[in-house]
Amino acid sequence: MKIELRHEALQLLHDQWGLLGEELREIWDGIQAVDEDLAQMFTGDMQSAYRAAAERSSAQASQLSDIFESLLAQLDEVNHTAEAFDRALGTMIQRGGRKA
């Protein structure tokens, strides 16, 4: 029972990280779309002000990218843990619950 609960918890964690990754991708796509729209809207003085804002936005986007990469690394770790757990569970089932 404890093994099943841990397996379910790992699966839920894996699913949550997957959903978070999808949401971050959608947010990033939205940021890029707004950036493109604003770039087309502004000209002259407004464009230079926009460039300064875009540079700040780019720095923030870089931070978001770093966070996203960190989340992906954590997701990989969760995946490896889940795979190891599945292998251990399969081995235990094959042995009929007996220790080696």
Protein backbone atom coordinates (compact mmCIF):
# COMPACT_ATOMS: atom_id res chain seq x y z
CA MET A 1 0.00 0.00 0.00
CA LYS A 2 2.82 2.42 0.92
CA ILE A 3 4.58 1.66 -2.39
CA GLU A 4 1.41 2.35 -4.37
CA LEU A 5 0.89 5.67 -2.59
CA ARG A 6 4.47 6.74 -3.26
CA HIS A 7 4.16 5.70 -6.88
CA GLU A 8 0.92 7.69 -7.22
CA ALA A 9 2.56 10.68 -5.53
CA LEU A 10 5.50 10.52 -7.96
CA GLN A 11 3.10 10.26 -10.89
CA LEU A 12 1.12 13.28 -9.66
CA LEU A 13 4.34 15.25 -9.21
CA HIS A 14 5.44 14.28 -12.71
CA ASP A 15 2.07 15.37 -14.14
CA GLN A 16 2.19 18.68 -12.25
CA TRP A 17 5.67 19.49 -13.59
CA GLY A 18 4.45 18.67 -17.08
CA LEU A 19 1.50 21.04 -16.72
CA LEU A 20 3.73 23.75 -15.27
CA GLY A 21 6.08 23.41 -18.23
CA GLU A 22 3.17 23.76 -20.66
CA GLU A 23 1.90 26.86 -18.83
CA LEU A 24 5.36 28.44 -18.90
CA ARG A 25 5.62 27.77 -22.64
CA GLU A 26 2.24 29.45 -23.18
CA ILE A 27 3.30 32.45 -21.07
CA TRP A 28 6.55 32.74 -23.01
CA ASP A 29 4.71 32.55 -26.34
CA GLY A 30 2.37 35.31 -25.13
CA ILE A 31 5.28 37.52 -24.10
CA GLN A 32 6.90 37.09 -27.50
CA ALA A 33 3.64 37.87 -29.31
CA VAL A 34 3.13 41.07 -27.30
CA ASP A 35 6.74 42.03 -27.94
CA GLU A 36 6.28 41.63 -31.69
CA ASP A 37 3.01 43.60 -31.67
CA LEU A 38 4.52 46.46 -29.68
CA ALA A 39 7.58 46.60 -31.93
CA GLN A 40 5.29 47.13 -34.93
CA MET A 41 3.20 49.80 -33.16
CA PHE A 42 5.89 52.22 -32.03
CA THR A 43 7.95 54.61 -34.14
CA GLY A 44 10.32 57.54 -33.49
CA ASP A 45 10.74 58.63 -29.86
CA MET A 46 8.31 56.05 -28.66
CA GLN A 47 10.36 53.40 -30.38
CA SER A 48 13.53 54.38 -28.50
CA ALA A 49 11.58 54.30 -25.22
CA TYR A 50 10.24 50.93 -26.23
CA ARG A 51 13.76 49.70 -26.98
CA ALA A 52 14.84 50.58 -23.43
CA ALA A 53 11.80 48.77 -22.06
CA ALA A 54 12.52 45.85 -24.38
CA GLU A 55 16.05 45.60 -23.03
CA ARG A 56 14.69 45.41 -19.48
CA SER A 57 12.13 42.90 -20.66
CA SER A 58 14.87 40.87 -22.31
CA ALA A 59 16.79 40.70 -19.04
CA GLN A 60 13.64 39.52 -17.28
CA ALA A 61 12.99 37.01 -20.05
CA SER A 62 16.50 35.69 -19.54
CA GLN A 63 15.72 35.18 -15.86
CA LEU A 64 12.48 33.43 -16.81
CA SER A 65 14.45 31.22 -19.18
CA ASP A 66 16.86 30.31 -16.38
CA ILE A 67 13.93 29.44 -14.12
CA PHE A 68 12.37 27.37 -16.89
CA GLU A 69 15.65 25.49 -17.45
CA SER A 70 15.85 24.82 -13.71
CA LEU A 71 12.29 23.48 -13.73
CA LEU A 72 13.09 21.23 -16.67
CA ALA A 73 16.14 19.89 -14.82
CA GLN A 74 13.96 19.16 -11.81
CA LEU A 75 11.41 17.46 -14.06
CA ASP A 76 14.19 15.27 -15.46
CA GLU A 77 15.15 14.34 -11.91
CA VAL A 78 11.53 13.46 -11.10
CA ASN A 79 11.37 11.35 -14.28
CA HIS A 80 14.56 9.47 -13.37
CA THR A 81 13.28 8.88 -9.84
CA ALA A 82 9.95 7.62 -11.17
CA GLU A 83 11.73 5.31 -13.63
CA ALA A 84 13.96 3.92 -10.88
CA PHE A 85 10.93 3.42 -8.67
CA ASP A 86 9.07 1.62 -11.47
CA ARG A 87 12.07 -0.67 -12.06
CA ALA A 88 12.38 -1.42 -8.34
CA LEU A 89 8.66 -2.07 -8.08
CA GLY A 90 8.78 -4.37 -11.12
CA THR A 91 11.70 -6.29 -9.63
CA MET A 92 9.87 -6.62 -6.34
CA ILE A 93 6.72 -7.87 -8.07
CA GLN A 94 8.75 -10.43 -10.05
CA ARG A 95 10.25 -11.72 -6.81
CA GLY A 96 6.85 -11.94 -5.20
CA GLY A 97 7.79 -9.38 -2.55
CA ARG A 98 10.80 -11.37 -1.32
CA LYS A 99 14.07 -9.56 -0.69
CA ALA A 100 17.16 -10.67 -2.62
